[in-house]
Amino acid sequence: MFMTMSSTEKIQYAKDFLDSAEPFCVSQLFEYMSDTYFFVKDCQGRFIKANKAFLKLFGYDKLEDIIGLTDYDMVSRELAVRYEMDDARIFAGEKVCEISEPVSSGDGVVSLHVSTKLPVIDRNGKIIGLIGITRDSVKTLDALSPLQEFQPVLDIIERDFNKTIKIEDLAQEACMSVSTFLRRFKKQFGLTPGAYIKEVRYKMATRLLIESAQPLSSIAFDCGFSDQSHMTREFKKLAGVTPKAYRKKFHQ
């Protein structure tokens, strides 16, 4: 369907889809991000919405505990004045992206955060508040460090997924024994290295099925499967349908 759409039609489709969705449905994602603090304020600086991580940071149990509060109720006056000045820029229509600022938790511990804040605009084009996220710089680096450890391995898999990849070679690249590599890789990604490689091949196959007119046998070869039958078996395990049926859904 999308292959025959113009850019304007695609944008309109996306707009119609989001207009039909529950307001602020995207904010539900932040409920599952423990290192990202999400919040919404009205133009009086009163909190209207926040995720669980934000509530926990400031020592609150329920959303209703902070609705109507301002920064002056939650942090030192010095920080509240600073936030209020930043918020005024947002309410004037400015977008503040990736700024470093001190954030104080409910118990008074101050840490450096990276924050982004944008205006909330109603259907008439009027600014009615702001929406923002902030992340603890240290926690973010701690979360990324295991990924950085495995980055050379991920680079090899992304580059050579269409070839035979030996687990021993990946372990050597990570400077680990095979047993240690298998254990730590699965702990980090929730998959064994072999399953991860299959996922990469599957994702590339789905992309080619949607975006190209290549024969299935050619896609199987390009994605590292031994033959078309092998691709069909592995693809059906993950997608629940055959590659042919999957392609048909996008070319009706």
C-alpha atoms as a PDB file:
ATOM      1  CA  MET A   1       0.000   0.000   0.000  1.00  0.00           C
ATOM      2  CA  PHE A   2       2.659   2.530   1.054  1.00  0.00           C
ATOM      3  CA  MET A   3       4.796   1.870  -2.016  1.00  0.00           C
ATOM      4  CA  THR A   4       2.149   3.488  -4.233  1.00  0.00           C
ATOM      5  CA  MET A   5       1.546   6.485  -1.938  1.00  0.00           C
ATOM      6  CA  SER A   6       2.942   9.944  -2.548  1.00  0.00           C
ATOM      7  CA  SER A   7       4.810  11.733   0.239  1.00  0.00           C
ATOM      8  CA  THR A   8       1.750  13.907   0.895  1.00  0.00           C
ATOM      9  CA  GLU A   9      -0.504  10.845   1.161  1.00  0.00           C
ATOM     10  CA  LYS A  10       1.906   9.179   3.591  1.00  0.00           C
ATOM     11  CA  ILE A  11       1.965  12.249   5.828  1.00  0.00           C
ATOM     12  CA  GLN A  12      -1.840  12.423   5.765  1.00  0.00           C
ATOM     13  CA  TYR A  13      -2.128   8.704   6.604  1.00  0.00           C
ATOM     14  CA  ALA A  14       0.195   9.163   9.603  1.00  0.00           C
ATOM     15  CA  LYS A  15      -1.755  12.238  10.764  1.00  0.00           C
ATOM     16  CA  ASP A  16      -5.103  10.441  10.489  1.00  0.00           C
ATOM     17  CA  PHE A  17      -3.716   7.466  12.412  1.00  0.00           C
ATOM     18  CA  LEU A  18      -2.386   9.589  15.269  1.00  0.00           C
ATOM     19  CA  ASP A  19      -5.559  11.723  15.365  1.00  0.00           C
ATOM     20  CA  SER A  20      -7.565   8.530  15.915  1.00  0.00           C
ATOM     21  CA  ALA A  21      -5.299   7.374  18.759  1.00  0.00           C
ATOM     22  CA  GLU A  22      -5.877   8.084  22.435  1.00  0.00           C
ATOM     23  CA  PRO A  23      -4.481  11.500  23.400  1.00  0.00           C
ATOM     24  CA  PHE A  24      -0.993  11.206  24.875  1.00  0.00           C
ATOM     25  CA  CYS A  25      -0.875   7.486  24.060  1.00  0.00           C
ATOM     26  CA  VAL A  26       2.830   7.908  23.252  1.00  0.00           C
ATOM     27  CA  SER A  27       3.439   8.950  26.854  1.00  0.00           C
ATOM     28  CA  GLN A  28       2.651   5.374  27.920  1.00  0.00           C
ATOM     29  CA  LEU A  29       6.072   4.383  26.584  1.00  0.00           C
ATOM     30  CA  PHE A  30       7.736   6.415  29.319  1.00  0.00           C
ATOM     31  CA  GLU A  31       6.085   4.296  32.006  1.00  0.00           C
ATOM     32  CA  TYR A  32       8.588   1.568  31.099  1.00  0.00           C
ATOM     33  CA  MET A  33      11.718   3.759  31.021  1.00  0.00           C
ATOM     34  CA  SER A  34      13.271   3.864  34.475  1.00  0.00           C
ATOM     35  CA  ASP A  35      16.075   6.252  33.494  1.00  0.00           C
ATOM     36  CA  THR A  36      13.882   8.810  31.710  1.00  0.00           C
ATOM     37  CA  TYR A  37      11.713  11.290  33.608  1.00  0.00           C
ATOM     38  CA  PHE A  38       8.653  12.475  31.656  1.00  0.00           C
ATOM     39  CA  PHE A  39       6.363  15.354  32.640  1.00  0.00           C
ATOM     40  CA  VAL A  40       3.702  17.759  31.358  1.00  0.00           C
ATOM     41  CA  LYS A  41       2.910  21.210  32.786  1.00  0.00           C
ATOM     42  CA  ASP A  42       0.209  23.758  32.049  1.00  0.00           C
ATOM     43  CA  CYS A  43       1.020  27.425  31.395  1.00  0.00           C
ATOM     44  CA  GLN A  44       0.902  28.173  35.120  1.00  0.00           C
ATOM     45  CA  GLY A  45       3.752  25.725  35.658  1.00  0.00           C
ATOM     46  CA  ARG A  46       1.500  23.169  37.369  1.00  0.00           C
ATOM     47  CA  PHE A  47       2.256  19.506  36.791  1.00  0.00           C
ATOM     48  CA  ILE A  48      -0.473  17.687  34.873  1.00  0.00           C
ATOM     49  CA  LYS A  49       1.166  14.387  34.032  1.00  0.00           C
ATOM     50  CA  ALA A  50       4.361  12.454  34.837  1.00  0.00           C
ATOM     51  CA  ASN A  51       5.670   8.921  34.519  1.00  0.00           C
ATOM     52  CA  LYS A  52       6.480   6.498  37.351  1.00  0.00           C
ATOM     53  CA  ALA A  53      10.194   7.296  37.245  1.00  0.00           C
ATOM     54  CA  PHE A  54       9.455  11.011  37.739  1.00  0.00           C
ATOM     55  CA  LEU A  55       7.156  10.295  40.677  1.00  0.00           C
ATOM     56  CA  LYS A  56       9.749   8.027  42.284  1.00  0.00           C
ATOM     57  CA  LEU A  57      12.523  10.611  41.793  1.00  0.00           C
ATOM     58  CA  PHE A  58      10.586  13.176  43.827  1.00  0.00           C
ATOM     59  CA  GLY A  59       9.221  10.756  46.409  1.00  0.00           C
ATOM     60  CA  TYR A  60       5.582  10.497  45.285  1.00  0.00           C
ATOM     61  CA  ASP A  61       3.489   7.330  44.943  1.00  0.00           C
ATOM     62  CA  LYS A  62       0.626   8.369  42.679  1.00  0.00           C
ATOM     63  CA  LEU A  63       0.092  10.780  39.809  1.00  0.00           C
ATOM     64  CA  GLU A  64      -2.666  12.592  41.665  1.00  0.00           C
ATOM     65  CA  ASP A  65      -0.123  13.474  44.376  1.00  0.00           C
ATOM     66  CA  ILE A  66       1.648  15.910  42.043  1.00  0.00           C
ATOM     67  CA  ILE A  67      -1.165  17.197  39.832  1.00  0.00           C
ATOM     68  CA  GLY A  68      -1.453  20.910  40.537  1.00  0.00           C
ATOM     69  CA  LEU A  69       1.948  21.204  42.204  1.00  0.00           C
ATOM     70  CA  THR A  70       4.670  23.467  40.807  1.00  0.00           C
ATOM     71  CA  ASP A  71       8.455  23.274  40.962  1.00  0.00           C
ATOM     72  CA  TYR A  72       8.296  25.536  44.034  1.00  0.00           C
ATOM     73  CA  ASP A  73       6.488  22.717  45.877  1.00  0.00           C
ATOM     74  CA  MET A  74       9.080  20.099  44.940  1.00  0.00           C
ATOM     75  CA  VAL A  75      12.590  21.590  44.750  1.00  0.00           C
ATOM     76  CA  SER A  76      14.621  24.419  46.248  1.00  0.00           C
ATOM     77  CA  ARG A  77      13.582  27.984  45.391  1.00  0.00           C
ATOM     78  CA  GLU A  78      16.886  28.470  43.542  1.00  0.00           C
ATOM     79  CA  LEU A  79      16.180  25.597  41.169  1.00  0.00           C
ATOM     80  CA  ALA A  80      12.476  26.460  40.873  1.00  0.00           C
ATOM     81  CA  VAL A  81      13.315  29.976  39.688  1.00  0.00           C
ATOM     82  CA  ARG A  82      15.707  28.541  37.105  1.00  0.00           C
ATOM     83  CA  TYR A  83      13.090  26.087  35.815  1.00  0.00           C
ATOM     84  CA  GLU A  84      10.468  28.824  35.730  1.00  0.00           C
ATOM     85  CA  MET A  85      12.706  30.979  33.533  1.00  0.00           C
ATOM     86  CA  ASP A  86      13.275  28.051  31.146  1.00  0.00           C
ATOM     87  CA  ASP A  87       9.547  27.318  31.062  1.00  0.00           C
ATOM     88  CA  ALA A  88       8.781  30.917  30.110  1.00  0.00           C
ATOM     89  CA  ARG A  89      10.816  30.405  26.941  1.00  0.00           C
ATOM     90  CA  ILE A  90       8.711  27.346  26.090  1.00  0.00           C
ATOM     91  CA  PHE A  91       5.433  29.162  26.725  1.00  0.00           C
ATOM     92  CA  ALA A  92       6.672  31.862  24.315  1.00  0.00           C
ATOM     93  CA  GLY A  93       7.006  29.227  21.587  1.00  0.00           C
ATOM     94  CA  GLU A  94      10.659  28.270  21.904  1.00  0.00           C
ATOM     95  CA  LYS A  95      11.902  24.670  21.883  1.00  0.00           C
ATOM     96  CA  VAL A  96      14.639  23.845  24.386  1.00  0.00           C
ATOM     97  CA  CYS A  97      16.538  20.728  23.379  1.00  0.00           C
ATOM     98  CA  GLU A  98      19.343  18.768  25.019  1.00  0.00           C
ATOM     99  CA  ILE A  99      20.215  21.329  27.694  1.00  0.00           C
ATOM    100  CA  SER A 100      22.249  20.380  30.764  1.00  0.00           C
ATOM    101  CA  GLU A 101      20.677  21.405  34.050  1.00  0.00           C
ATOM    102  CA  PRO A 102      20.821  20.432  37.735  1.00  0.00           C
ATOM    103  CA  VAL A 103      17.887  18.379  39.022  1.00  0.00           C
ATOM    104  CA  SER A 104      17.169  17.817  42.705  1.00  0.00           C
ATOM    105  CA  SER A 105      15.469  14.622  43.866  1.00  0.00           C
ATOM    106  CA  GLY A 106      12.925  14.448  46.657  1.00  0.00           C
ATOM    107  CA  ASP A 107      15.651  13.816  49.235  1.00  0.00           C
ATOM    108  CA  GLY A 108      17.680  16.801  48.053  1.00  0.00           C
ATOM    109  CA  VAL A 109      20.340  15.000  46.013  1.00  0.00           C
ATOM    110  CA  VAL A 110      21.315  17.144  43.019  1.00  0.00           C
ATOM    111  CA  SER A 111      22.536  15.517  39.787  1.00  0.00           C
ATOM    112  CA  LEU A 112      23.217  16.759  36.280  1.00  0.00           C
ATOM    113  CA  HIS A 113      20.477  15.953  33.774  1.00  0.00           C
ATOM    114  CA  VAL A 114      20.026  16.454  30.042  1.00  0.00           C
ATOM    115  CA  SER A 115      16.571  17.858  29.317  1.00  0.00           C
ATOM    116  CA  THR A 116      14.327  18.605  26.336  1.00  0.00           C
ATOM    117  CA  LYS A 117      11.128  20.666  26.584  1.00  0.00           C
ATOM    118  CA  LEU A 118       8.585  21.510  23.881  1.00  0.00           C
ATOM    119  CA  PRO A 119       5.353  23.517  23.797  1.00  0.00           C
ATOM    120  CA  VAL A 120       2.013  21.712  24.016  1.00  0.00           C
ATOM    121  CA  ILE A 121      -0.337  23.220  21.435  1.00  0.00           C
ATOM    122  CA  ASP A 122      -4.103  22.770  21.324  1.00  0.00           C
ATOM    123  CA  ARG A 123      -6.195  22.254  18.196  1.00  0.00           C
ATOM    124  CA  ASN A 124      -6.532  26.003  17.718  1.00  0.00           C
ATOM    125  CA  GLY A 125      -2.767  26.504  17.639  1.00  0.00           C
ATOM    126  CA  LYS A 126      -2.597  28.038  21.130  1.00  0.00           C
ATOM    127  CA  ILE A 127       0.215  27.073  23.510  1.00  0.00           C
ATOM    128  CA  ILE A 128      -1.396  25.570  26.617  1.00  0.00           C
ATOM    129  CA  GLY A 129       1.622  24.089  28.369  1.00  0.00           C
ATOM    130  CA  LEU A 130       4.825  22.166  27.874  1.00  0.00           C
ATOM    131  CA  ILE A 131       5.973  18.568  27.619  1.00  0.00           C
ATOM    132  CA  GLY A 132       9.423  17.477  28.667  1.00  0.00           C
ATOM    133  CA  ILE A 133      11.831  14.675  29.392  1.00  0.00           C
ATOM    134  CA  THR A 134      14.993  14.698  31.435  1.00  0.00           C
ATOM    135  CA  ARG A 135      17.659  12.016  31.909  1.00  0.00           C
ATOM    136  CA  ASP A 136      20.335  11.575  34.534  1.00  0.00           C
ATOM    137  CA  SER A 137      23.655  11.861  32.680  1.00  0.00           C
ATOM    138  CA  VAL A 138      25.461   9.372  34.926  1.00  0.00           C
ATOM    139  CA  LYS A 139      22.671   6.771  34.810  1.00  0.00           C
ATOM    140  CA  THR A 140      22.513   7.075  31.037  1.00  0.00           C
ATOM    141  CA  LEU A 141      26.241   6.446  30.721  1.00  0.00           C
ATOM    142  CA  ASP A 142      25.978   3.468  33.085  1.00  0.00           C
ATOM    143  CA  ALA A 143      23.200   1.992  30.943  1.00  0.00           C
ATOM    144  CA  LEU A 144      25.198   2.492  27.754  1.00  0.00           C
ATOM    145  CA  SER A 145      28.481   1.027  28.993  1.00  0.00           C
ATOM    146  CA  PRO A 146      27.474  -2.646  28.479  1.00  0.00           C
ATOM    147  CA  LEU A 147      26.319  -1.778  24.957  1.00  0.00           C
ATOM    148  CA  GLN A 148      29.661  -0.138  24.258  1.00  0.00           C
ATOM    149  CA  GLU A 149      31.365  -3.310  25.456  1.00  0.00           C
ATOM    150  CA  PHE A 150      29.494  -5.351  22.853  1.00  0.00           C
ATOM    151  CA  GLN A 151      29.544  -2.744  20.088  1.00  0.00           C
ATOM    152  CA  PRO A 152      32.398  -4.387  18.089  1.00  0.00           C
ATOM    153  CA  VAL A 153      30.443  -7.659  18.173  1.00  0.00           C
ATOM    154  CA  LEU A 154      27.222  -5.965  17.036  1.00  0.00           C
ATOM    155  CA  ASP A 155      29.119  -4.253  14.237  1.00  0.00           C
ATOM    156  CA  ILE A 156      30.370  -7.632  12.970  1.00  0.00           C
ATOM    157  CA  ILE A 157      26.874  -9.117  13.068  1.00  0.00           C
ATOM    158  CA  GLU A 158      25.360  -6.129  11.241  1.00  0.00           C
ATOM    159  CA  ARG A 159      28.103  -6.273   8.601  1.00  0.00           C
ATOM    160  CA  ASP A 160      28.399 -10.036   8.097  1.00  0.00           C
ATOM    161  CA  PHE A 161      24.882 -11.306   8.868  1.00  0.00           C
ATOM    162  CA  ASN A 162      24.713 -12.824   5.356  1.00  0.00           C
ATOM    163  CA  LYS A 163      27.781 -14.956   6.053  1.00  0.00           C
ATOM    164  CA  THR A 164      28.598 -17.757   8.483  1.00  0.00           C
ATOM    165  CA  ILE A 165      29.412 -16.138  11.835  1.00  0.00           C
ATOM    166  CA  LYS A 166      31.223 -18.256  14.419  1.00  0.00           C
ATOM    167  CA  ILE A 167      30.454 -17.660  18.087  1.00  0.00           C
ATOM    168  CA  GLU A 168      34.122 -18.292  18.869  1.00  0.00           C
ATOM    169  CA  ASP A 169      35.108 -15.354  16.662  1.00  0.00           C
ATOM    170  CA  LEU A 170      32.588 -13.078  18.359  1.00  0.00           C
ATOM    171  CA  ALA A 171      33.832 -14.105  21.806  1.00  0.00           C
ATOM    172  CA  GLN A 172      37.381 -13.379  20.748  1.00  0.00           C
ATOM    173  CA  GLU A 173      36.363  -9.941  19.468  1.00  0.00           C
ATOM    174  CA  ALA A 174      34.805  -9.237  22.880  1.00  0.00           C
ATOM    175  CA  CYS A 175      37.949 -10.531  24.644  1.00  0.00           C
ATOM    176  CA  MET A 176      35.946 -13.160  26.532  1.00  0.00           C
ATOM    177  CA  SER A 177      35.859 -16.926  26.791  1.00  0.00           C
ATOM    178  CA  VAL A 178      32.993 -18.501  24.847  1.00  0.00           C
ATOM    179  CA  SER A 179      31.093 -19.433  28.015  1.00  0.00           C
ATOM    180  CA  THR A 180      31.462 -15.940  29.503  1.00  0.00           C
ATOM    181  CA  PHE A 181      30.484 -14.325  26.202  1.00  0.00           C
ATOM    182  CA  LEU A 182      27.347 -16.468  25.853  1.00  0.00           C
ATOM    183  CA  ARG A 183      26.269 -15.726  29.434  1.00  0.00           C
ATOM    184  CA  ARG A 184      26.890 -11.982  29.329  1.00  0.00           C
ATOM    185  CA  PHE A 185      25.452 -11.512  25.827  1.00  0.00           C
ATOM    186  CA  LYS A 186      22.181 -13.189  26.790  1.00  0.00           C
ATOM    187  CA  LYS A 187      21.981 -11.193  30.026  1.00  0.00           C
ATOM    188  CA  GLN A 188      22.411  -7.929  28.107  1.00  0.00           C
ATOM    189  CA  PHE A 189      20.176  -8.591  25.078  1.00  0.00           C
ATOM    190  CA  GLY A 190      17.813 -11.312  26.276  1.00  0.00           C
ATOM    191  CA  LEU A 191      18.873 -13.531  23.358  1.00  0.00           C
ATOM    192  CA  THR A 192      21.714 -15.902  22.623  1.00  0.00           C
ATOM    193  CA  PRO A 193      24.166 -14.642  19.980  1.00  0.00           C
ATOM    194  CA  GLY A 194      22.771 -17.217  17.534  1.00  0.00           C
ATOM    195  CA  ALA A 195      19.202 -16.027  18.102  1.00  0.00           C
ATOM    196  CA  TYR A 196      20.323 -12.410  17.745  1.00  0.00           C
ATOM    197  CA  ILE A 197      21.919 -13.192  14.371  1.00  0.00           C
ATOM    198  CA  LYS A 198      18.661 -14.833  13.258  1.00  0.00           C
ATOM    199  CA  GLU A 199      16.757 -11.704  14.310  1.00  0.00           C
ATOM    200  CA  VAL A 200      19.058  -9.499  12.218  1.00  0.00           C
ATOM    201  CA  ARG A 201      18.600 -11.777   9.189  1.00  0.00           C
ATOM    202  CA  TYR A 202      14.840 -11.804   9.709  1.00  0.00           C
ATOM    203  CA  LYS A 203      14.644  -8.010   9.915  1.00  0.00           C
ATOM    204  CA  MET A 204      16.677  -7.597   6.745  1.00  0.00           C
ATOM    205  CA  ALA A 205      14.455 -10.135   4.992  1.00  0.00           C
ATOM    206  CA  THR A 206      11.295  -8.248   6.024  1.00  0.00           C
ATOM    207  CA  ARG A 207      12.793  -5.039   4.672  1.00  0.00           C
ATOM    208  CA  LEU A 208      13.639  -6.591   1.307  1.00  0.00           C
ATOM    209  CA  LEU A 209      10.236  -8.273   1.073  1.00  0.00           C
ATOM    210  CA  ILE A 210       8.525  -4.904   1.520  1.00  0.00           C
ATOM    211  CA  GLU A 211      10.876  -2.598  -0.374  1.00  0.00           C
ATOM    212  CA  SER A 212      12.115  -4.753  -3.263  1.00  0.00           C
ATOM    213  CA  ALA A 213      10.792  -7.034  -5.976  1.00  0.00           C
ATOM    214  CA  GLN A 214      13.645  -9.544  -5.568  1.00  0.00           C
ATOM    215  CA  PRO A 215      12.742 -13.224  -5.884  1.00  0.00           C
ATOM    216  CA  LEU A 216      12.479 -15.063  -2.571  1.00  0.00           C
ATOM    217  CA  SER A 217      15.495 -17.199  -3.434  1.00  0.00           C
ATOM    218  CA  SER A 218      17.596 -14.078  -3.960  1.00  0.00           C
ATOM    219  CA  ILE A 219      16.444 -12.563  -0.651  1.00  0.00           C
ATOM    220  CA  ALA A 220      17.293 -15.817   1.127  1.00  0.00           C
ATOM    221  CA  PHE A 221      20.837 -15.696  -0.256  1.00  0.00           C
ATOM    222  CA  ASP A 222      21.320 -12.002   0.511  1.00  0.00           C
ATOM    223  CA  CYS A 223      20.163 -12.479   4.104  1.00  0.00           C
ATOM    224  CA  GLY A 224      22.420 -15.413   4.950  1.00  0.00           C
ATOM    225  CA  PHE A 225      19.941 -18.291   4.759  1.00  0.00           C
ATOM    226  CA  SER A 226      21.176 -21.509   3.170  1.00  0.00           C
ATOM    227  CA  ASP A 227      18.268 -21.544   0.706  1.00  0.00           C
ATOM    228  CA  GLN A 228      14.677 -20.383   0.236  1.00  0.00           C
ATOM    229  CA  SER A 229      13.250 -23.281   2.265  1.00  0.00           C
ATOM    230  CA  HIS A 230      15.520 -22.426   5.167  1.00  0.00           C
ATOM    231  CA  MET A 231      14.375 -18.802   5.079  1.00  0.00           C
ATOM    232  CA  THR A 232      10.724 -19.844   4.920  1.00  0.00           C
ATOM    233  CA  ARG A 233      11.061 -22.067   8.014  1.00  0.00           C
ATOM    234  CA  GLU A 234      12.903 -19.467  10.082  1.00  0.00           C
ATOM    235  CA  PHE A 235      10.708 -16.601   8.885  1.00  0.00           C
ATOM    236  CA  LYS A 236       7.493 -18.410   9.778  1.00  0.00           C
ATOM    237  CA  LYS A 237       8.787 -19.123  13.291  1.00  0.00           C
ATOM    238  CA  LEU A 238       9.187 -15.398  13.928  1.00  0.00           C
ATOM    239  CA  ALA A 239       6.441 -13.824  11.809  1.00  0.00           C
ATOM    240  CA  GLY A 240       3.821 -16.561  11.936  1.00  0.00           C
ATOM    241  CA  VAL A 241       3.436 -16.410   8.144  1.00  0.00           C
ATOM    242  CA  THR A 242       5.564 -17.364   5.164  1.00  0.00           C
ATOM    243  CA  PRO A 243       7.710 -14.739   3.384  1.00  0.00           C
ATOM    244  CA  LYS A 244       5.362 -14.886   0.416  1.00  0.00           C
ATOM    245  CA  ALA A 245       2.304 -14.181   2.566  1.00  0.00           C
ATOM    246  CA  TYR A 246       4.154 -11.418   4.419  1.00  0.00           C
ATOM    247  CA  ARG A 247       5.077  -9.672   1.154  1.00  0.00           C
ATOM    248  CA  LYS A 248       1.526  -9.974  -0.119  1.00  0.00           C
ATOM    249  CA  LYS A 249       0.198  -7.961   2.852  1.00  0.00           C
ATOM    250  CA  PHE A 250       2.234  -4.950   1.724  1.00  0.00           C
ATOM    251  CA  HIS A 251       1.568  -5.215  -2.011  1.00  0.00           C
ATOM    252  CA  GLN A 252      -2.190  -5.497  -2.117  1.00  0.00           C
END
